[in-house]
Amino acid sequence: MMKTALVLCFADPAVMGGRIDPLASNHRAHVFYQSLGFKPVGRRIFTDESDCLVHHLSRRHWHALFASE
């Protein structure tokens, strides 16, 4: 489902990338998102004091990984 959501997001040529922010302690989420091409870019503590590991996926990286599918 996440791959389908990303296909829909990147169908819009104005979308240059996406960011997600799973909790830093959620290692299974990190593995999952990184398998889709997301790269960790840093930690962030949000207003509710949740410690997150922010990941980014660029349009270029997405297409390099999945353009042939």
PDB file of N, CA and C in Angstrom:
ATOM      1  N   MET A   1       0.824  -1.194   0.000  1.00  0.00           N
ATOM      2  CA  MET A   1       0.000   0.000   0.000  1.00  0.00           C
ATOM      3  C   MET A   1       0.867   1.255   0.000  1.00  0.00           C
ATOM      4  N   MET A   2       1.960   1.214   0.737  1.00  0.00           N
ATOM      5  CA  MET A   2       2.824   2.400   0.788  1.00  0.00           C
ATOM      6  C   MET A   2       3.442   2.683  -0.580  1.00  0.00           C
ATOM      7  N   LYS A   3       3.817   1.631  -1.295  1.00  0.00           N
ATOM      8  CA  LYS A   3       4.384   1.839  -2.629  1.00  0.00           C
ATOM      9  C   LYS A   3       3.345   2.473  -3.548  1.00  0.00           C
ATOM     10  N   THR A   4       2.100   2.038  -3.451  1.00  0.00           N
ATOM     11  CA  THR A   4       1.026   2.625  -4.247  1.00  0.00           C
ATOM     12  C   THR A   4       0.822   4.094  -3.889  1.00  0.00           C
ATOM     13  N   ALA A   5       0.874   4.409  -2.603  1.00  0.00           N
ATOM     14  CA  ALA A   5       0.741   5.805  -2.176  1.00  0.00           C
ATOM     15  C   ALA A   5       1.869   6.659  -2.753  1.00  0.00           C
ATOM     16  N   LEU A   6       3.076   6.113  -2.782  1.00  0.00           N
ATOM     17  CA  LEU A   6       4.207   6.857  -3.333  1.00  0.00           C
ATOM     18  C   LEU A   6       4.079   7.032  -4.845  1.00  0.00           C
ATOM     19  N   VAL A   7       3.587   6.009  -5.522  1.00  0.00           N
ATOM     20  CA  VAL A   7       3.339   6.129  -6.968  1.00  0.00           C
ATOM     21  C   VAL A   7       2.370   7.280  -7.226  1.00  0.00           C
ATOM     22  N   LEU A   8       1.313   7.354  -6.447  1.00  0.00           N
ATOM     23  CA  LEU A   8       0.337   8.433  -6.600  1.00  0.00           C
ATOM     24  C   LEU A   8       0.950   9.793  -6.285  1.00  0.00           C
ATOM     25  N   CYS A   9       1.760   9.863  -5.251  1.00  0.00           N
ATOM     26  CA  CYS A   9       2.414  11.129  -4.894  1.00  0.00           C
ATOM     27  C   CYS A   9       3.328  11.609  -6.017  1.00  0.00           C
ATOM     28  N   PHE A  10       4.172  10.716  -6.514  1.00  0.00           N
ATOM     29  CA  PHE A  10       5.142  11.101  -7.525  1.00  0.00           C
ATOM     30  C   PHE A  10       4.537  11.207  -8.928  1.00  0.00           C
ATOM     31  N   ALA A  11       3.269  10.853  -9.084  1.00  0.00           N
ATOM     32  CA  ALA A  11       2.585  11.067 -10.362  1.00  0.00           C
ATOM     33  C   ALA A  11       2.429  12.559 -10.644  1.00  0.00           C
ATOM     34  N   ASP A  12       2.413  13.348  -9.578  1.00  0.00           N
ATOM     35  CA  ASP A  12       2.341  14.805  -9.710  1.00  0.00           C
ATOM     36  C   ASP A  12       3.756  15.330  -9.924  1.00  0.00           C
ATOM     37  N   PRO A  13       4.060  15.912 -11.080  1.00  0.00           N
ATOM     38  CA  PRO A  13       5.426  16.362 -11.353  1.00  0.00           C
ATOM     39  C   PRO A  13       5.914  17.459 -10.402  1.00  0.00           C
ATOM     40  N   ALA A  14       5.012  18.103  -9.696  1.00  0.00           N
ATOM     41  CA  ALA A  14       5.418  19.140  -8.750  1.00  0.00           C
ATOM     42  C   ALA A  14       6.007  18.553  -7.463  1.00  0.00           C
ATOM     43  N   VAL A  15       5.758  17.269  -7.206  1.00  0.00           N
ATOM     44  CA  VAL A  15       6.262  16.625  -5.989  1.00  0.00           C
ATOM     45  C   VAL A  15       7.723  16.242  -6.207  1.00  0.00           C
ATOM     46  N   MET A  16       8.603  16.846  -5.424  1.00  0.00           N
ATOM     47  CA  MET A  16      10.035  16.600  -5.553  1.00  0.00           C
ATOM     48  C   MET A  16      10.560  15.601  -4.530  1.00  0.00           C
ATOM     49  N   GLY A  17       9.747  15.294  -3.517  1.00  0.00           N
ATOM     50  CA  GLY A  17      10.171  14.336  -2.505  1.00  0.00           C
ATOM     51  C   GLY A  17       9.143  14.232  -1.403  1.00  0.00           C
ATOM     52  N   GLY A  18       9.451  13.360  -0.468  1.00  0.00           N
ATOM     53  CA  GLY A  18       8.552  13.171   0.662  1.00  0.00           C
ATOM     54  C   GLY A  18       9.342  12.916   1.925  1.00  0.00           C
ATOM     55  N   ARG A  19       8.737  13.233   3.056  1.00  0.00           N
ATOM     56  CA  ARG A  19       9.359  13.013   4.361  1.00  0.00           C
ATOM     57  C   ARG A  19       8.395  12.278   5.273  1.00  0.00           C
ATOM     58  N   ILE A  20       8.970  11.443   6.097  1.00  0.00           N
ATOM     59  CA  ILE A  20       8.212  10.740   7.122  1.00  0.00           C
ATOM     60  C   ILE A  20       8.991  10.851   8.421  1.00  0.00           C
ATOM     61  N   ASP A  21       8.315  10.624   9.519  1.00  0.00           N
ATOM     62  CA  ASP A  21       8.985  10.818  10.812  1.00  0.00           C
ATOM     63  C   ASP A  21       8.572   9.769  11.844  1.00  0.00           C
ATOM     64  N   PRO A  22       8.942   8.497  11.608  1.00  0.00           N
ATOM     65  CA  PRO A  22       8.614   7.478  12.611  1.00  0.00           C
ATOM     66  C   PRO A  22       9.402   7.720  13.901  1.00  0.00           C
ATOM     67  N   LEU A  23       8.876   7.212  14.987  1.00  0.00           N
ATOM     68  CA  LEU A  23       9.585   7.327  16.260  1.00  0.00           C
ATOM     69  C   LEU A  23      10.980   6.736  16.137  1.00  0.00           C
ATOM     70  N   ALA A  24      11.950   7.368  16.758  1.00  0.00           N
ATOM     71  CA  ALA A  24      13.336   6.900  16.706  1.00  0.00           C
ATOM     72  C   ALA A  24      13.458   5.477  17.239  1.00  0.00           C
ATOM     73  N   SER A  25      12.602   5.101  18.158  1.00  0.00           N
ATOM     74  CA  SER A  25      12.653   3.766  18.758  1.00  0.00           C
ATOM     75  C   SER A  25      11.992   2.682  17.900  1.00  0.00           C
ATOM     76  N   ASN A  26      11.339   3.070  16.815  1.00  0.00           N
ATOM     77  CA  ASN A  26      10.600   2.124  15.977  1.00  0.00           C
ATOM     78  C   ASN A  26      11.496   1.593  14.854  1.00  0.00           C
ATOM     79  N   HIS A  27      12.370   0.688  15.189  1.00  0.00           N
ATOM     80  CA  HIS A  27      13.352   0.178  14.235  1.00  0.00           C
ATOM     81  C   HIS A  27      12.712  -0.572  13.069  1.00  0.00           C
ATOM     82  N   ARG A  28      11.608  -1.239  13.311  1.00  0.00           N
ATOM     83  CA  ARG A  28      10.930  -1.948  12.212  1.00  0.00           C
ATOM     84  C   ARG A  28      10.427  -0.964  11.163  1.00  0.00           C
ATOM     85  N   ALA A  29       9.941   0.189  11.607  1.00  0.00           N
ATOM     86  CA  ALA A  29       9.491   1.215  10.656  1.00  0.00           C
ATOM     87  C   ALA A  29      10.667   1.743   9.846  1.00  0.00           C
ATOM     88  N   HIS A  30      11.812   1.936  10.484  1.00  0.00           N
ATOM     89  CA  HIS A  30      12.999   2.436   9.768  1.00  0.00           C
ATOM     90  C   HIS A  30      13.389   1.460   8.663  1.00  0.00           C
ATOM     91  N   VAL A  31      13.421   0.184   8.988  1.00  0.00           N
ATOM     92  CA  VAL A  31      13.776  -0.836   7.991  1.00  0.00           C
ATOM     93  C   VAL A  31      12.770  -0.816   6.838  1.00  0.00           C
ATOM     94  N   PHE A  32      11.497  -0.733   7.161  1.00  0.00           N
ATOM     95  CA  PHE A  32      10.452  -0.716   6.137  1.00  0.00           C
ATOM     96  C   PHE A  32      10.609   0.486   5.208  1.00  0.00           C
ATOM     97  N   TYR A  33      10.693   1.684   5.768  1.00  0.00           N
ATOM     98  CA  TYR A  33      10.788   2.887   4.941  1.00  0.00           C
ATOM     99  C   TYR A  33      12.090   2.920   4.146  1.00  0.00           C
ATOM    100  N   GLN A  34      13.172   2.463   4.732  1.00  0.00           N
ATOM    101  CA  GLN A  34      14.433   2.436   4.005  1.00  0.00           C
ATOM    102  C   GLN A  34      14.373   1.431   2.851  1.00  0.00           C
ATOM    103  N   SER A  35      13.585   0.370   2.988  1.00  0.00           N
ATOM    104  CA  SER A  35      13.424  -0.587   1.885  1.00  0.00           C
ATOM    105  C   SER A  35      12.697   0.049   0.701  1.00  0.00           C
ATOM    106  N   LEU A  36      11.973   1.134   0.952  1.00  0.00           N
ATOM    107  CA  LEU A  36      11.280   1.863  -0.110  1.00  0.00           C
ATOM    108  C   LEU A  36      12.125   3.011  -0.657  1.00  0.00           C
ATOM    109  N   GLY A  37      13.331   3.174  -0.137  1.00  0.00           N
ATOM    110  CA  GLY A  37      14.226   4.206  -0.648  1.00  0.00           C
ATOM    111  C   GLY A  37      14.400   5.422   0.229  1.00  0.00           C
ATOM    112  N   PHE A  38      13.630   5.511   1.320  1.00  0.00           N
ATOM    113  CA  PHE A  38      13.791   6.644   2.224  1.00  0.00           C
ATOM    114  C   PHE A  38      15.164   6.575   2.889  1.00  0.00           C
ATOM    115  N   LYS A  39      15.760   7.746   3.108  1.00  0.00           N
ATOM    116  CA  LYS A  39      17.056   7.832   3.777  1.00  0.00           C
ATOM    117  C   LYS A  39      16.908   8.657   5.048  1.00  0.00           C
ATOM    118  N   PRO A  40      17.494   8.199   6.162  1.00  0.00           N
ATOM    119  CA  PRO A  40      17.439   8.995   7.390  1.00  0.00           C
ATOM    120  C   PRO A  40      18.187  10.313   7.195  1.00  0.00           C
ATOM    121  N   VAL A  41      17.583  11.394   7.672  1.00  0.00           N
ATOM    122  CA  VAL A  41      18.213  12.711   7.539  1.00  0.00           C
ATOM    123  C   VAL A  41      18.457  13.382   8.884  1.00  0.00           C
ATOM    124  N   GLY A  42      17.933  12.821   9.958  1.00  0.00           N
ATOM    125  CA  GLY A  42      18.198  13.404  11.273  1.00  0.00           C
ATOM    126  C   GLY A  42      17.070  13.164  12.251  1.00  0.00           C
ATOM    127  N   ARG A  43      17.398  13.396  13.499  1.00  0.00           N
ATOM    128  CA  ARG A  43      16.401  13.238  14.554  1.00  0.00           C
ATOM    129  C   ARG A  43      15.712  14.572  14.796  1.00  0.00           C
ATOM    130  N   ARG A  44      14.478  14.483  15.290  1.00  0.00           N
ATOM    131  CA  ARG A  44      13.719  15.681  15.617  1.00  0.00           C
ATOM    132  C   ARG A  44      12.775  15.358  16.761  1.00  0.00           C
ATOM    133  N   ILE A  45      12.707  16.247  17.710  1.00  0.00           N
ATOM    134  CA  ILE A  45      11.740  16.118  18.801  1.00  0.00           C
ATOM    135  C   ILE A  45      10.631  17.127  18.538  1.00  0.00           C
ATOM    136  N   PHE A  46       9.432  16.611  18.392  1.00  0.00           N
ATOM    137  CA  PHE A  46       8.289  17.455  18.091  1.00  0.00           C
ATOM    138  C   PHE A  46       7.677  18.009  19.376  1.00  0.00           C
ATOM    139  N   THR A  47       6.673  18.847  19.231  1.00  0.00           N
ATOM    140  CA  THR A  47       6.103  19.563  20.370  1.00  0.00           C
ATOM    141  C   THR A  47       5.564  18.642  21.458  1.00  0.00           C
ATOM    142  N   ASP A  48       5.142  17.453  21.089  1.00  0.00           N
ATOM    143  CA  ASP A  48       4.643  16.524  22.114  1.00  0.00           C
ATOM    144  C   ASP A  48       5.786  15.698  22.706  1.00  0.00           C
ATOM    145  N   GLU A  49       7.023  16.110  22.418  1.00  0.00           N
ATOM    146  CA  GLU A  49       8.239  15.486  22.934  1.00  0.00           C
ATOM    147  C   GLU A  49       8.483  14.090  22.370  1.00  0.00           C
ATOM    148  N   SER A  50       7.881  13.779  21.229  1.00  0.00           N
ATOM    149  CA  SER A  50       8.155  12.491  20.598  1.00  0.00           C
ATOM    150  C   SER A  50       9.469  12.603  19.823  1.00  0.00           C
ATOM    151  N   ASP A  51      10.374  11.680  20.092  1.00  0.00           N
ATOM    152  CA  ASP A  51      11.693  11.640  19.464  1.00  0.00           C
ATOM    153  C   ASP A  51      11.578  10.843  18.163  1.00  0.00           C
ATOM    154  N   CYS A  52      11.741  11.519  17.026  1.00  0.00           N
ATOM    155  CA  CYS A  52      11.534  10.890  15.729  1.00  0.00           C
ATOM    156  C   CYS A  52      12.820  10.885  14.915  1.00  0.00           C
ATOM    157  N   LEU A  53      12.922   9.904  14.035  1.00  0.00           N
ATOM    158  CA  LEU A  53      14.001   9.845  13.056  1.00  0.00           C
ATOM    159  C   LEU A  53      13.387  10.185  11.703  1.00  0.00           C
ATOM    160  N   VAL A  54      13.673  11.382  11.228  1.00  0.00           N
ATOM    161  CA  VAL A  54      13.094  11.865   9.975  1.00  0.00           C
ATOM    162  C   VAL A  54      13.801  11.204   8.795  1.00  0.00           C
ATOM    163  N   HIS A  55      13.000  10.756   7.820  1.00  0.00           N
ATOM    164  CA  HIS A  55      13.513  10.136   6.595  1.00  0.00           C
ATOM    165  C   HIS A  55      13.016  10.955   5.401  1.00  0.00           C
ATOM    166  N   HIS A  56      13.810  10.981   4.340  1.00  0.00           N
ATOM    167  CA  HIS A  56      13.454  11.706   3.118  1.00  0.00           C
ATOM    168  C   HIS A  56      13.591  10.773   1.916  1.00  0.00           C
ATOM    169  N   LEU A  57      12.702  10.942   0.959  1.00  0.00           N
ATOM    170  CA  LEU A  57      12.772  10.215  -0.310  1.00  0.00           C
ATOM    171  C   LEU A  57      12.646  11.229  -1.439  1.00  0.00           C
ATOM    172  N   SER A  58      13.694  11.356  -2.243  1.00  0.00           N
ATOM    173  CA  SER A  58      13.657  12.297  -3.360  1.00  0.00           C
ATOM    174  C   SER A  58      13.021  11.639  -4.580  1.00  0.00           C
ATOM    175  N   ARG A  59      12.466  12.446  -5.444  1.00  0.00           N
ATOM    176  CA  ARG A  59      11.889  11.955  -6.695  1.00  0.00           C
ATOM    177  C   ARG A  59      12.951  11.198  -7.498  1.00  0.00           C
ATOM    178  N   ARG A  60      14.153  11.730  -7.573  1.00  0.00           N
ATOM    179  CA  ARG A  60      15.224  11.101  -8.345  1.00  0.00           C
ATOM    180  C   ARG A  60      15.550   9.716  -7.797  1.00  0.00           C
ATOM    181  N   HIS A  61      15.654   9.604  -6.482  1.00  0.00           N
ATOM    182  CA  HIS A  61      15.972   8.306  -5.879  1.00  0.00           C
ATOM    183  C   HIS A  61      14.816   7.320  -6.096  1.00  0.00           C
ATOM    184  N   TRP A  62      13.598   7.767  -5.927  1.00  0.00           N
ATOM    185  CA  TRP A  62      12.415   6.924  -6.143  1.00  0.00           C
ATOM    186  C   TRP A  62      12.432   6.353  -7.569  1.00  0.00           C
ATOM    187  N   HIS A  63      12.633   7.215  -8.552  1.00  0.00           N
ATOM    188  CA  HIS A  63      12.633   6.750  -9.942  1.00  0.00           C
ATOM    189  C   HIS A  63      13.806   5.827 -10.235  1.00  0.00           C
ATOM    190  N   ALA A  64      14.942   6.085  -9.645  1.00  0.00           N
ATOM    191  CA  ALA A  64      16.098   5.203  -9.859  1.00  0.00           C
ATOM    192  C   ALA A  64      15.828   3.799  -9.325  1.00  0.00           C
ATOM    193  N   LEU A  65      15.098   3.714  -8.233  1.00  0.00           N
ATOM    194  CA  LEU A  65      14.806   2.421  -7.625  1.00  0.00           C
ATOM    195  C   LEU A  65      13.657   1.669  -8.291  1.00  0.00           C
ATOM    196  N   PHE A  66      12.610   2.409  -8.680  1.00  0.00           N
ATOM    197  CA  PHE A  66      11.362   1.743  -9.069  1.00  0.00           C
ATOM    198  C   PHE A  66      10.844   2.086 -10.456  1.00  0.00           C
ATOM    199  N   ALA A  67      11.589   2.805 -11.266  1.00  0.00           N
ATOM    200  CA  ALA A  67      11.097   3.202 -12.584  1.00  0.00           C
ATOM    201  C   ALA A  67      10.835   2.013 -13.502  1.00  0.00           C
ATOM    202  N   SER A  68      11.585   0.945 -13.321  1.00  0.00           N
ATOM    203  CA  SER A  68      11.425  -0.195 -14.220  1.00  0.00           C
ATOM    204  C   SER A  68      10.272  -1.119 -13.823  1.00  0.00           C
ATOM    205  N   GLU A  69       9.621  -0.858 -12.712  1.00  0.00           N
ATOM    206  CA  GLU A  69       8.503  -1.730 -12.280  1.00  0.00           C
ATOM    207  C   GLU A  69       7.209  -1.357 -12.928  1.00  0.00           C
TER     208      GLU A  69
END
